[in-house]
Amino acid sequence: MKNLILLSLVSVFTFACKPSYTADNLPKPLPERPKDVVPSNGLTAEESKEMETLKTEIQTLASSEKCTNSADWKTVGLGVKACGGPVEHIAYSVKLDEKSFLEKVELYNQKSVEYNKKYSLMSDCMLVMQPENIVCENDKPVFK
C-alpha cells in the first residue's frame, strides 16, 4: 500500500512538472534567424551588410600579398565569440599598412561583440588557439 501511494505521488509530480521552455521560446539557430527583420535590439540590414563588407575587405587585404618569407607574416584574431576569444585567426603581411589593417580588424571585432550582445547569442566557448607558426606554401601563408 505504501508503495502504491509513493508511486502515485511520484507519478503526479513527474507529470505535473513542465519545462519552462517550449519550441516557440527557444533561441533559433543562426541560419533560421531572419536577416532582414530588425529585432527591437538587433542590427539593421545595413549594419549586417557593413559587417559582411568589412570582413570581406579584411580577408582581401590579408591575402593581397604573396607569402615568400614567413618572417614577414603575423596573425590576428578575427571576430569575437559570444563567450570571448576570437572566432578565427588570419595571417597578414607586415608589408601592409599594418596600423590601418589592425584598425579595420578592431572595428570588425567591436561590431561582432555588439552583434553577439544584441542577438543574445551563445557560442561553443572553445578556445581557438593562436597559431604558433606560419609557413609559406604556394605563395600563401599556412598555419602549422
Protein backbone atom coordinates (compact mmCIF):
# COMPACT_ATOMS: atom_id res chain seq x y z
CA MET A 1 0.00 0.00 0.00
CA LYS A 2 2.84 2.39 0.87
CA ASN A 3 4.48 1.62 -2.45
CA LEU A 4 1.28 2.37 -4.32
CA ILE A 5 0.89 5.74 -2.60
CA LEU A 6 4.57 6.56 -3.22
CA LEU A 7 4.25 5.54 -6.87
CA SER A 8 1.14 7.70 -7.23
CA LEU A 9 2.87 10.73 -5.70
CA VAL A 10 5.96 10.31 -7.89
CA SER A 11 3.77 9.98 -10.98
CA VAL A 12 1.77 13.10 -10.12
CA PHE A 13 4.90 15.18 -9.52
CA THR A 14 6.59 13.86 -12.65
CA PHE A 15 3.72 14.68 -14.96
CA ALA A 16 2.79 17.92 -13.21
CA CYS A 17 6.20 19.49 -13.82
CA LYS A 18 6.57 21.12 -17.19
CA PRO A 19 9.73 22.70 -18.53
CA SER A 20 9.67 26.48 -18.75
CA TYR A 21 10.85 26.34 -22.34
CA THR A 22 8.97 25.27 -25.42
CA ALA A 23 9.85 25.01 -29.07
CA ASP A 24 8.41 28.50 -29.53
CA ASN A 25 10.58 30.29 -26.99
CA LEU A 26 13.94 28.57 -27.59
CA PRO A 27 16.61 30.64 -29.39
CA LYS A 28 16.66 29.98 -33.11
CA PRO A 29 19.81 28.61 -34.75
CA LEU A 30 21.73 31.23 -36.71
CA PRO A 31 20.64 30.08 -40.19
CA GLU A 32 16.98 30.46 -39.15
CA ARG A 33 17.37 33.99 -37.79
CA PRO A 34 15.84 36.49 -40.16
CA LYS A 35 18.42 38.78 -41.72
CA ASP A 36 16.04 41.46 -42.94
CA VAL A 37 13.83 41.61 -39.86
CA VAL A 38 15.17 44.01 -37.27
CA PRO A 39 14.51 42.87 -33.73
CA SER A 40 13.92 45.63 -31.21
CA ASN A 41 17.53 45.37 -30.07
CA GLY A 42 19.11 43.93 -33.23
CA LEU A 43 21.29 45.06 -36.06
CA THR A 44 19.75 46.63 -39.09
CA ALA A 45 20.21 45.16 -42.54
CA GLU A 46 22.68 47.98 -43.22
CA GLU A 47 24.76 47.08 -40.16
CA SER A 48 24.76 43.42 -41.13
CA LYS A 49 25.84 44.30 -44.68
CA GLU A 50 28.54 46.59 -43.26
CA MET A 51 29.92 43.72 -41.17
CA GLU A 52 29.98 41.37 -44.15
CA THR A 53 31.66 44.02 -46.31
CA LEU A 54 34.23 44.79 -43.62
CA LYS A 55 35.10 41.10 -43.17
CA THR A 56 35.48 40.64 -46.92
CA GLU A 57 37.69 43.72 -47.09
CA ILE A 58 39.87 42.42 -44.23
CA GLN A 59 40.21 38.99 -45.85
CA THR A 60 41.03 40.56 -49.22
CA LEU A 61 43.71 42.79 -47.68
CA ALA A 62 45.16 39.87 -45.71
CA SER A 63 45.51 37.77 -48.85
CA SER A 64 46.73 40.59 -51.10
CA GLU A 65 50.44 39.92 -50.53
CA LYS A 66 52.29 36.84 -51.73
CA CYS A 67 53.92 34.83 -49.00
CA THR A 68 57.61 34.44 -49.80
CA ASN A 69 59.10 34.83 -46.32
CA SER A 70 57.19 33.56 -43.31
CA ALA A 71 59.01 36.06 -41.07
CA ASP A 72 57.02 38.83 -42.81
CA TRP A 73 53.71 37.45 -41.54
CA LYS A 74 51.76 37.82 -38.30
CA THR A 75 48.39 36.60 -37.04
CA VAL A 76 45.40 38.41 -35.61
CA GLY A 77 42.10 37.21 -34.16
CA LEU A 78 39.08 37.95 -36.36
CA GLY A 79 35.58 38.03 -34.89
CA VAL A 80 34.65 37.56 -31.25
CA LYS A 81 32.77 34.60 -29.82
CA ALA A 82 29.87 35.34 -27.51
CA CYS A 83 31.76 33.97 -24.52
CA GLY A 84 35.03 35.66 -25.51
CA GLY A 85 38.02 34.92 -27.66
CA PRO A 86 38.42 35.09 -31.42
CA VAL A 87 36.29 33.16 -33.89
CA GLU A 88 39.33 32.54 -36.08
CA HIS A 89 42.86 33.72 -36.71
CA ILE A 90 44.03 35.13 -40.01
CA ALA A 91 47.53 35.79 -41.27
CA TYR A 92 48.56 39.17 -42.63
CA SER A 93 51.75 40.56 -44.07
CA VAL A 94 53.72 43.24 -42.26
CA LYS A 95 54.16 44.85 -45.69
CA LEU A 96 50.55 46.05 -45.45
CA ASP A 97 49.68 49.34 -43.78
CA GLU A 98 49.59 47.45 -40.50
CA LYS A 99 48.01 50.23 -38.43
CA SER A 100 45.13 50.70 -40.88
CA PHE A 101 44.64 46.94 -41.25
CA LEU A 102 44.53 46.33 -37.49
CA GLU A 103 42.09 49.24 -37.06
CA LYS A 104 39.73 47.53 -39.52
CA VAL A 105 40.09 44.24 -37.64
CA GLU A 106 39.39 46.01 -34.33
CA LEU A 107 36.31 47.70 -35.81
CA TYR A 108 35.04 44.35 -37.08
CA ASN A 109 35.68 42.74 -33.68
CA GLN A 110 33.79 45.54 -31.90
CA LYS A 111 30.84 45.10 -34.25
CA SER A 112 30.99 41.35 -33.65
CA VAL A 113 30.69 41.93 -29.88
CA GLU A 114 27.70 44.24 -30.47
CA TYR A 115 26.09 41.62 -32.72
CA ASN A 116 26.54 38.93 -30.06
CA LYS A 117 25.01 41.13 -27.36
CA LYS A 118 22.07 42.38 -29.45
CA TYR A 119 21.06 38.89 -30.53
CA SER A 120 21.91 37.31 -27.14
CA LEU A 121 23.99 34.73 -28.97
CA MET A 122 25.78 31.83 -27.36
CA SER A 123 28.84 30.12 -28.77
CA ASP A 124 30.70 26.88 -28.28
CA CYS A 125 33.22 28.68 -26.00
CA MET A 126 36.01 26.52 -27.38
CA LEU A 127 39.34 28.29 -27.25
CA VAL A 128 40.74 28.98 -30.71
CA MET A 129 44.48 28.84 -30.15
CA GLN A 130 46.69 31.35 -31.88
CA PRO A 131 48.79 29.54 -34.49
CA GLU A 132 52.37 29.05 -33.39
CA ASN A 133 53.95 29.05 -36.81
CA ILE A 134 53.29 30.41 -40.28
CA VAL A 135 54.92 28.86 -43.33
CA CYS A 136 54.69 29.88 -46.96
CA GLU A 137 53.23 27.30 -49.34
CA ASN A 138 52.36 28.16 -52.94
CA ASP A 139 52.76 31.89 -52.18
CA LYS A 140 50.15 31.70 -49.40
CA PRO A 141 50.56 31.72 -45.62
CA VAL A 142 49.65 28.44 -43.94
CA PHE A 143 49.33 27.86 -40.20
CA LYS A 144 51.36 24.98 -38.81
